[in-house]
Amino acid sequence: MSQTTKRALAASLKKLLLEKPLDKITVIDIVEDCEVNRQTFYYHFKDIFDLIEWMCLDEASKALNGKKTYETWQQGFLQIFNAVLLNKPFIMNVYHSVSREQVEMYLYEVTYDLMIGVVEEQAQGMSVRDEDKKFIADFYKFAFVGLMLDWIRKGMKQDPKEIVGHLSVLIQGDITRALNKYRIDRPRQTEQGK
């Protein structure tokens, strides 16, 4: 019941965002559209930004849907693009409002979740410190999210398959090379080309 109510409140907010900007929407607008009382809203969320954060995290969990391996990272990243595209009015409105950080936080979280899965898989059989694996995942997270934020800023016009295709060509084999550079079970390769 709790998830159903949260999703109903989220649907009302998305509907209202088609009609007016986020900074003009109130909790009263949401509860009237959803046909619940204010106490119901505040039972689940402390404010509209809390609802937006929950919506982003809920979409993130759906977007990846198990695509966190080296063989499937492209599909996972494409699914993130498609989730953003599917929620374009919501994302664009939130992105151009005071809560732009929530869109960025959502993208960082979901992309890190994807990348750490890939890094962990590629690190099998290697002795690489956890903080180094996290650093590699963070590096790719910031690169991917930067591309996605630029795509959002430009109105989401470029085909996500094209972007993911370029990424695939660019980083093919790079995660394994990065992990090899951080291995502690053999000397670091510091010379160029090794």
C-alpha atoms as a PDB file:
ATOM      1  CA  MET A   1       0.000   0.000   0.000  1.00  0.00           C
ATOM      2  CA  SER A   2       2.824   2.416   0.867  1.00  0.00           C
ATOM      3  CA  GLN A   3       4.533   2.000  -2.545  1.00  0.00           C
ATOM      4  CA  THR A   4       1.173   2.376  -4.297  1.00  0.00           C
ATOM      5  CA  THR A   5       0.526   5.682  -2.519  1.00  0.00           C
ATOM      6  CA  LYS A   6       4.041   6.926  -3.251  1.00  0.00           C
ATOM      7  CA  ARG A   7       3.663   6.047  -6.925  1.00  0.00           C
ATOM      8  CA  ALA A   8       0.262   7.789  -7.040  1.00  0.00           C
ATOM      9  CA  LEU A   9       1.796  10.950  -5.557  1.00  0.00           C
ATOM     10  CA  ALA A  10       4.653  10.702  -8.061  1.00  0.00           C
ATOM     11  CA  ALA A  11       2.195  10.310 -10.939  1.00  0.00           C
ATOM     12  CA  SER A  12       0.337  13.413  -9.775  1.00  0.00           C
ATOM     13  CA  LEU A  13       3.551  15.415  -9.633  1.00  0.00           C
ATOM     14  CA  LYS A  14       4.522  14.253 -13.148  1.00  0.00           C
ATOM     15  CA  LYS A  15       1.057  15.214 -14.423  1.00  0.00           C
ATOM     16  CA  LEU A  16       1.276  18.646 -12.811  1.00  0.00           C
ATOM     17  CA  LEU A  17       4.744  19.197 -14.291  1.00  0.00           C
ATOM     18  CA  LEU A  18       3.172  18.987 -17.744  1.00  0.00           C
ATOM     19  CA  GLU A  19       1.023  21.967 -16.795  1.00  0.00           C
ATOM     20  CA  LYS A  20       3.369  24.242 -14.833  1.00  0.00           C
ATOM     21  CA  PRO A  21       6.960  24.572 -13.570  1.00  0.00           C
ATOM     22  CA  LEU A  22       8.098  22.861 -10.403  1.00  0.00           C
ATOM     23  CA  ASP A  23       8.445  26.073  -8.425  1.00  0.00           C
ATOM     24  CA  LYS A  24       4.721  26.765  -8.975  1.00  0.00           C
ATOM     25  CA  ILE A  25       3.572  23.352  -7.678  1.00  0.00           C
ATOM     26  CA  THR A  26       2.557  22.968  -4.043  1.00  0.00           C
ATOM     27  CA  VAL A  27       1.860  19.975  -1.828  1.00  0.00           C
ATOM     28  CA  ILE A  28      -1.795  21.004  -1.919  1.00  0.00           C
ATOM     29  CA  ASP A  29      -1.755  20.785  -5.743  1.00  0.00           C
ATOM     30  CA  ILE A  30      -0.331  17.265  -5.554  1.00  0.00           C
ATOM     31  CA  VAL A  31      -2.731  15.947  -2.904  1.00  0.00           C
ATOM     32  CA  GLU A  32      -5.759  17.462  -4.637  1.00  0.00           C
ATOM     33  CA  ASP A  33      -4.768  15.848  -7.923  1.00  0.00           C
ATOM     34  CA  CYS A  34      -4.058  12.547  -6.171  1.00  0.00           C
ATOM     35  CA  GLU A  35      -7.245  12.799  -4.080  1.00  0.00           C
ATOM     36  CA  VAL A  36      -5.517  12.189  -0.748  1.00  0.00           C
ATOM     37  CA  ASN A  37      -5.099  14.452   2.248  1.00  0.00           C
ATOM     38  CA  ARG A  38      -1.992  16.418   3.202  1.00  0.00           C
ATOM     39  CA  GLN A  39      -1.243  14.080   6.131  1.00  0.00           C
ATOM     40  CA  THR A  40      -0.915  11.218   3.641  1.00  0.00           C
ATOM     41  CA  PHE A  41       1.677  13.178   1.692  1.00  0.00           C
ATOM     42  CA  TYR A  42       3.623  14.089   4.833  1.00  0.00           C
ATOM     43  CA  TYR A  43       3.432  10.519   6.105  1.00  0.00           C
ATOM     44  CA  HIS A  44       5.522   9.480   3.089  1.00  0.00           C
ATOM     45  CA  PHE A  45       7.575  12.589   2.245  1.00  0.00           C
ATOM     46  CA  LYS A  46       8.860  15.617   4.142  1.00  0.00           C
ATOM     47  CA  ASP A  47       8.444  17.920   1.110  1.00  0.00           C
ATOM     48  CA  ILE A  48       8.225  17.968  -2.697  1.00  0.00           C
ATOM     49  CA  PHE A  49      12.000  17.607  -3.036  1.00  0.00           C
ATOM     50  CA  ASP A  50      11.878  14.450  -0.933  1.00  0.00           C
ATOM     51  CA  LEU A  51       9.230  13.116  -3.341  1.00  0.00           C
ATOM     52  CA  ILE A  52      11.472  14.009  -6.305  1.00  0.00           C
ATOM     53  CA  GLU A  53      14.420  12.214  -4.701  1.00  0.00           C
ATOM     54  CA  TRP A  54      12.283   9.115  -4.123  1.00  0.00           C
ATOM     55  CA  MET A  55      11.065   9.256  -7.736  1.00  0.00           C
ATOM     56  CA  CYS A  56      14.618   9.444  -9.043  1.00  0.00           C
ATOM     57  CA  LEU A  57      15.801   6.523  -6.920  1.00  0.00           C
ATOM     58  CA  ASP A  58      12.747   4.464  -7.853  1.00  0.00           C
ATOM     59  CA  GLU A  59      13.401   5.102 -11.553  1.00  0.00           C
ATOM     60  CA  ALA A  60      17.088   4.282 -11.060  1.00  0.00           C
ATOM     61  CA  SER A  61      16.366   0.839  -9.666  1.00  0.00           C
ATOM     62  CA  LYS A  62      14.060   0.109 -12.610  1.00  0.00           C
ATOM     63  CA  ALA A  63      16.496   1.522 -15.168  1.00  0.00           C
ATOM     64  CA  LEU A  64      19.401  -0.828 -14.482  1.00  0.00           C
ATOM     65  CA  ASN A  65      17.409  -4.000 -13.951  1.00  0.00           C
ATOM     66  CA  GLY A  66      20.474  -6.248 -13.571  1.00  0.00           C
ATOM     67  CA  LYS A  67      22.555  -4.758 -16.416  1.00  0.00           C
ATOM     68  CA  LYS A  68      25.705  -4.327 -14.315  1.00  0.00           C
ATOM     69  CA  THR A  69      28.221  -6.583 -16.041  1.00  0.00           C
ATOM     70  CA  TYR A  70      30.948  -5.900 -18.583  1.00  0.00           C
ATOM     71  CA  GLU A  71      28.898  -7.657 -21.259  1.00  0.00           C
ATOM     72  CA  THR A  72      25.759  -5.636 -20.454  1.00  0.00           C
ATOM     73  CA  TRP A  73      27.000  -2.208 -19.299  1.00  0.00           C
ATOM     74  CA  GLN A  74      26.093  -0.677 -22.662  1.00  0.00           C
ATOM     75  CA  GLN A  75      22.522  -1.948 -22.257  1.00  0.00           C
ATOM     76  CA  GLY A  76      22.467  -0.636 -18.685  1.00  0.00           C
ATOM     77  CA  PHE A  77      23.662   2.806 -19.738  1.00  0.00           C
ATOM     78  CA  LEU A  78      21.194   2.837 -22.640  1.00  0.00           C
ATOM     79  CA  GLN A  79      18.430   1.941 -20.184  1.00  0.00           C
ATOM     80  CA  ILE A  80      19.447   4.932 -18.030  1.00  0.00           C
ATOM     81  CA  PHE A  81      19.208   7.182 -21.119  1.00  0.00           C
ATOM     82  CA  ASN A  82      15.823   5.678 -22.012  1.00  0.00           C
ATOM     83  CA  ALA A  83      14.508   6.139 -18.449  1.00  0.00           C
ATOM     84  CA  VAL A  84      15.511   9.794 -18.589  1.00  0.00           C
ATOM     85  CA  LEU A  85      13.950  10.161 -22.056  1.00  0.00           C
ATOM     86  CA  LEU A  86      10.737   8.437 -20.924  1.00  0.00           C
ATOM     87  CA  ASN A  87      10.483  10.988 -18.107  1.00  0.00           C
ATOM     88  CA  LYS A  88      11.608  13.932 -20.252  1.00  0.00           C
ATOM     89  CA  PRO A  89       9.046  16.515 -19.019  1.00  0.00           C
ATOM     90  CA  PHE A  90       9.806  15.601 -15.406  1.00  0.00           C
ATOM     91  CA  ILE A  91      13.595  15.580 -15.873  1.00  0.00           C
ATOM     92  CA  MET A  92      13.670  18.803 -17.913  1.00  0.00           C
ATOM     93  CA  ASN A  93      11.457  20.623 -15.430  1.00  0.00           C
ATOM     94  CA  VAL A  94      13.435  19.425 -12.411  1.00  0.00           C
ATOM     95  CA  TYR A  95      16.759  20.026 -14.193  1.00  0.00           C
ATOM     96  CA  HIS A  96      15.820  23.638 -14.991  1.00  0.00           C
ATOM     97  CA  SER A  97      14.567  24.307 -11.476  1.00  0.00           C
ATOM     98  CA  VAL A  98      16.270  24.815  -8.156  1.00  0.00           C
ATOM     99  CA  SER A  99      16.528  21.055  -7.691  1.00  0.00           C
ATOM    100  CA  ARG A 100      18.962  20.366 -10.543  1.00  0.00           C
ATOM    101  CA  GLU A 101      21.215  18.694  -7.949  1.00  0.00           C
ATOM    102  CA  GLN A 102      18.590  15.970  -7.493  1.00  0.00           C
ATOM    103  CA  VAL A 103      18.779  15.017 -11.178  1.00  0.00           C
ATOM    104  CA  GLU A 104      22.565  14.964 -10.941  1.00  0.00           C
ATOM    105  CA  MET A 105      22.474  12.939  -7.716  1.00  0.00           C
ATOM    106  CA  TYR A 106      20.118  10.428  -9.342  1.00  0.00           C
ATOM    107  CA  LEU A 107      22.391  10.075 -12.372  1.00  0.00           C
ATOM    108  CA  TYR A 108      25.540   9.764 -10.235  1.00  0.00           C
ATOM    109  CA  GLU A 109      23.982   7.113  -8.031  1.00  0.00           C
ATOM    110  CA  VAL A 110      22.570   4.945 -10.800  1.00  0.00           C
ATOM    111  CA  THR A 111      25.712   5.264 -12.949  1.00  0.00           C
ATOM    112  CA  TYR A 112      28.025   4.430 -10.041  1.00  0.00           C
ATOM    113  CA  ASP A 113      25.900   1.366  -9.294  1.00  0.00           C
ATOM    114  CA  LEU A 114      26.338   0.268 -12.910  1.00  0.00           C
ATOM    115  CA  MET A 115      30.082   0.972 -13.046  1.00  0.00           C
ATOM    116  CA  ILE A 116      31.069  -0.591  -9.720  1.00  0.00           C
ATOM    117  CA  GLY A 117      29.353  -3.794 -10.861  1.00  0.00           C
ATOM    118  CA  VAL A 118      31.437  -3.788 -14.052  1.00  0.00           C
ATOM    119  CA  VAL A 119      34.664  -2.928 -12.196  1.00  0.00           C
ATOM    120  CA  GLU A 120      34.099  -5.649  -9.586  1.00  0.00           C
ATOM    121  CA  GLU A 121      33.437  -8.207 -12.318  1.00  0.00           C
ATOM    122  CA  GLN A 122      36.555  -7.237 -14.276  1.00  0.00           C
ATOM    123  CA  ALA A 123      38.659  -7.288 -11.094  1.00  0.00           C
ATOM    124  CA  GLN A 124      37.975 -11.000 -10.495  1.00  0.00           C
ATOM    125  CA  GLY A 125      41.299 -12.776  -9.950  1.00  0.00           C
ATOM    126  CA  MET A 126      43.177  -9.502  -9.438  1.00  0.00           C
ATOM    127  CA  SER A 127      44.364  -8.006  -6.179  1.00  0.00           C
ATOM    128  CA  VAL A 128      43.094  -4.448  -6.381  1.00  0.00           C
ATOM    129  CA  ARG A 129      42.314  -2.375  -3.310  1.00  0.00           C
ATOM    130  CA  ASP A 130      38.639  -1.442  -2.821  1.00  0.00           C
ATOM    131  CA  GLU A 131      39.447   2.277  -2.824  1.00  0.00           C
ATOM    132  CA  ASP A 132      41.172   1.896  -6.213  1.00  0.00           C
ATOM    133  CA  LYS A 133      38.166   0.049  -7.648  1.00  0.00           C
ATOM    134  CA  LYS A 134      35.935   2.803  -6.285  1.00  0.00           C
ATOM    135  CA  PHE A 135      38.193   5.441  -7.872  1.00  0.00           C
ATOM    136  CA  ILE A 136      37.947   3.731 -11.283  1.00  0.00           C
ATOM    137  CA  ALA A 137      34.144   3.453 -10.993  1.00  0.00           C
ATOM    138  CA  ASP A 138      33.958   7.117  -9.922  1.00  0.00           C
ATOM    139  CA  PHE A 139      36.083   8.184 -12.904  1.00  0.00           C
ATOM    140  CA  TYR A 140      33.730   6.522 -15.374  1.00  0.00           C
ATOM    141  CA  LYS A 141      30.678   7.699 -13.432  1.00  0.00           C
ATOM    142  CA  PHE A 142      31.742  11.342 -13.781  1.00  0.00           C
ATOM    143  CA  ALA A 143      32.524  10.904 -17.494  1.00  0.00           C
ATOM    144  CA  PHE A 144      29.196   9.193 -18.232  1.00  0.00           C
ATOM    145  CA  VAL A 145      27.116  11.611 -16.182  1.00  0.00           C
ATOM    146  CA  GLY A 146      28.894  14.556 -17.808  1.00  0.00           C
ATOM    147  CA  LEU A 147      27.866  13.239 -21.221  1.00  0.00           C
ATOM    148  CA  MET A 148      24.319  12.658 -20.043  1.00  0.00           C
ATOM    149  CA  LEU A 149      23.979  16.110 -18.451  1.00  0.00           C
ATOM    150  CA  ASP A 150      25.225  17.683 -21.680  1.00  0.00           C
ATOM    151  CA  TRP A 151      22.627  15.612 -23.583  1.00  0.00           C
ATOM    152  CA  ILE A 152      19.881  16.790 -21.185  1.00  0.00           C
ATOM    153  CA  ARG A 153      21.073  20.410 -21.432  1.00  0.00           C
ATOM    154  CA  LYS A 154      20.833  20.186 -25.248  1.00  0.00           C
ATOM    155  CA  GLY A 155      17.230  18.967 -25.090  1.00  0.00           C
ATOM    156  CA  MET A 156      17.824  15.185 -25.394  1.00  0.00           C
ATOM    157  CA  LYS A 157      17.910  15.322 -29.194  1.00  0.00           C
ATOM    158  CA  GLN A 158      20.809  12.966 -29.990  1.00  0.00           C
ATOM    159  CA  ASP A 159      19.948   9.265 -30.225  1.00  0.00           C
ATOM    160  CA  PRO A 160      21.113   7.550 -26.990  1.00  0.00           C
ATOM    161  CA  LYS A 161      22.190   4.476 -29.011  1.00  0.00           C
ATOM    162  CA  GLU A 162      24.650   6.677 -30.894  1.00  0.00           C
ATOM    163  CA  ILE A 163      26.120   8.062 -27.652  1.00  0.00           C
ATOM    164  CA  VAL A 164      26.441   4.600 -26.081  1.00  0.00           C
ATOM    165  CA  GLY A 165      28.000   3.299 -29.313  1.00  0.00           C
ATOM    166  CA  HIS A 166      30.673   6.009 -29.185  1.00  0.00           C
ATOM    167  CA  LEU A 167      31.306   5.226 -25.511  1.00  0.00           C
ATOM    168  CA  SER A 168      31.637   1.536 -26.225  1.00  0.00           C
ATOM    169  CA  VAL A 169      34.307   2.143 -28.861  1.00  0.00           C
ATOM    170  CA  LEU A 170      36.122   4.669 -26.675  1.00  0.00           C
ATOM    171  CA  ILE A 171      36.442   2.606 -23.504  1.00  0.00           C
ATOM    172  CA  GLN A 172      36.703  -0.920 -24.883  1.00  0.00           C
ATOM    173  CA  GLY A 173      39.250  -2.699 -22.681  1.00  0.00           C
ATOM    174  CA  ASP A 174      40.037   0.417 -20.635  1.00  0.00           C
ATOM    175  CA  ILE A 175      38.531  -0.796 -17.352  1.00  0.00           C
ATOM    176  CA  THR A 176      40.718  -3.911 -17.376  1.00  0.00           C
ATOM    177  CA  ARG A 177      43.772  -1.795 -18.255  1.00  0.00           C
ATOM    178  CA  ALA A 178      42.986   0.571 -15.387  1.00  0.00           C
ATOM    179  CA  LEU A 179      42.591  -2.324 -12.948  1.00  0.00           C
ATOM    180  CA  ASN A 180      45.915  -3.794 -14.093  1.00  0.00           C
ATOM    181  CA  LYS A 181      47.591  -0.469 -13.304  1.00  0.00           C
ATOM    182  CA  TYR A 182      46.279  -0.648  -9.720  1.00  0.00           C
ATOM    183  CA  ARG A 183      47.071  -4.306  -9.046  1.00  0.00           C
ATOM    184  CA  ILE A 184      48.922  -4.877  -5.788  1.00  0.00           C
ATOM    185  CA  ASP A 185      49.866  -8.469  -6.576  1.00  0.00           C
ATOM    186  CA  ARG A 186      52.447  -7.303  -9.127  1.00  0.00           C
ATOM    187  CA  PRO A 187      54.458  -4.111  -9.759  1.00  0.00           C
ATOM    188  CA  ARG A 188      52.552  -1.155 -11.148  1.00  0.00           C
ATOM    189  CA  GLN A 189      52.968  -0.531 -14.847  1.00  0.00           C
ATOM    190  CA  THR A 190      54.103   3.044 -15.091  1.00  0.00           C
ATOM    191  CA  GLU A 191      55.815   3.221 -18.466  1.00  0.00           C
ATOM    192  CA  GLN A 192      53.687   4.457 -21.326  1.00  0.00           C
ATOM    193  CA  GLY A 193      52.345   1.644 -23.489  1.00  0.00           C
ATOM    194  CA  LYS A 194      52.479  -1.117 -20.847  1.00  0.00           C
END
